Amino acid sequence: MLLGVEFQQAISVVETIAARTEDRIMYDQRLKAQRDYEWGLDSARQEGLGKGLEKGEADLQQRLRSRDS
């Protein structure tokens, strides 16, 4: 009977470790997804800023040329 109790305790420990491992995997996956999302937003923001600056510069050059003509 003592072997049965020890076996049940061992199973309980293994189940606890497995649950924590699954929780950690889920946490890591969620964190990675969040970081990927934030990286994507930052990249899009930087790209938009670059395009906006290019357009602003082109518009300014065109105005200056129009004024000089």
Protein backbone atom coordinates (compact mmCIF):
# COMPACT_ATOMS: atom_id res chain seq x y z
CA MET A 1 0.00 0.00 0.00
CA LEU A 2 2.91 2.38 0.74
CA LEU A 3 4.16 1.91 -2.80
CA GLY A 4 0.77 3.07 -4.09
CA VAL A 5 0.94 6.34 -2.09
CA GLU A 6 4.49 7.05 -3.23
CA PHE A 7 3.50 6.29 -6.79
CA GLN A 8 0.54 8.68 -6.57
CA GLN A 9 2.81 11.38 -5.11
CA ALA A 10 5.28 10.89 -7.94
CA ILE A 11 2.50 11.13 -10.50
CA SER A 12 1.29 14.32 -8.84
CA VAL A 13 4.78 15.84 -9.01
CA VAL A 14 5.13 14.90 -12.68
CA GLU A 15 1.70 16.36 -13.48
CA THR A 16 2.62 19.60 -11.68
CA ILE A 17 5.88 19.86 -13.62
CA ALA A 18 4.07 19.16 -16.89
CA ALA A 19 1.42 21.81 -16.15
CA ARG A 20 4.09 24.38 -15.31
CA THR A 21 5.97 23.48 -18.50
CA GLU A 22 2.81 23.93 -20.58
CA ASP A 23 2.08 27.22 -18.81
CA ARG A 24 5.60 28.42 -19.50
CA ILE A 25 5.38 27.43 -23.17
CA MET A 26 2.06 29.28 -23.51
CA TYR A 27 3.52 32.33 -21.74
CA ASP A 28 6.59 32.33 -24.01
CA GLN A 29 4.43 31.99 -27.12
CA ARG A 30 2.18 34.85 -25.99
CA LEU A 31 5.20 37.04 -25.22
CA LYS A 32 6.72 36.28 -28.63
CA ALA A 33 3.44 37.09 -30.39
CA GLN A 34 3.20 40.37 -28.50
CA ARG A 35 6.78 41.32 -29.36
CA ASP A 36 6.28 40.36 -33.03
CA TYR A 37 3.12 42.50 -33.14
CA GLU A 38 4.88 45.49 -31.57
CA TRP A 39 7.84 45.05 -33.93
CA GLY A 40 5.45 45.02 -36.90
CA LEU A 41 3.77 48.21 -35.71
CA ASP A 42 7.11 49.91 -35.17
CA SER A 43 8.33 48.85 -38.63
CA ALA A 44 5.16 50.16 -40.27
CA ARG A 45 5.44 53.40 -38.33
CA GLN A 46 9.05 53.87 -39.41
CA GLU A 47 8.19 53.09 -43.03
CA GLY A 48 5.30 55.55 -42.97
CA LEU A 49 7.47 58.24 -41.43
CA GLY A 50 10.13 57.73 -44.11
CA LYS A 51 7.58 57.93 -46.92
CA GLY A 52 6.01 61.02 -45.37
CA LEU A 53 9.36 62.76 -45.13
CA GLU A 54 10.19 61.87 -48.74
CA LYS A 55 6.84 63.21 -49.94
CA GLY A 56 7.22 66.38 -47.88
CA GLU A 57 10.67 66.98 -49.30
CA ALA A 58 9.46 66.38 -52.88
CA ASP A 59 6.51 68.75 -52.36
CA LEU A 60 8.80 71.42 -50.94
CA GLN A 61 11.21 71.10 -53.88
CA GLN A 62 8.30 71.36 -56.33
CA ARG A 63 7.00 74.51 -54.61
CA LEU A 64 10.44 76.06 -54.66
CA ARG A 65 10.80 75.29 -58.37
CA SER A 66 7.34 76.68 -59.10
CA ARG A 67 8.16 79.87 -57.21
CA ASP A 68 11.43 80.35 -59.08
CA SER A 69 9.79 79.90 -62.52
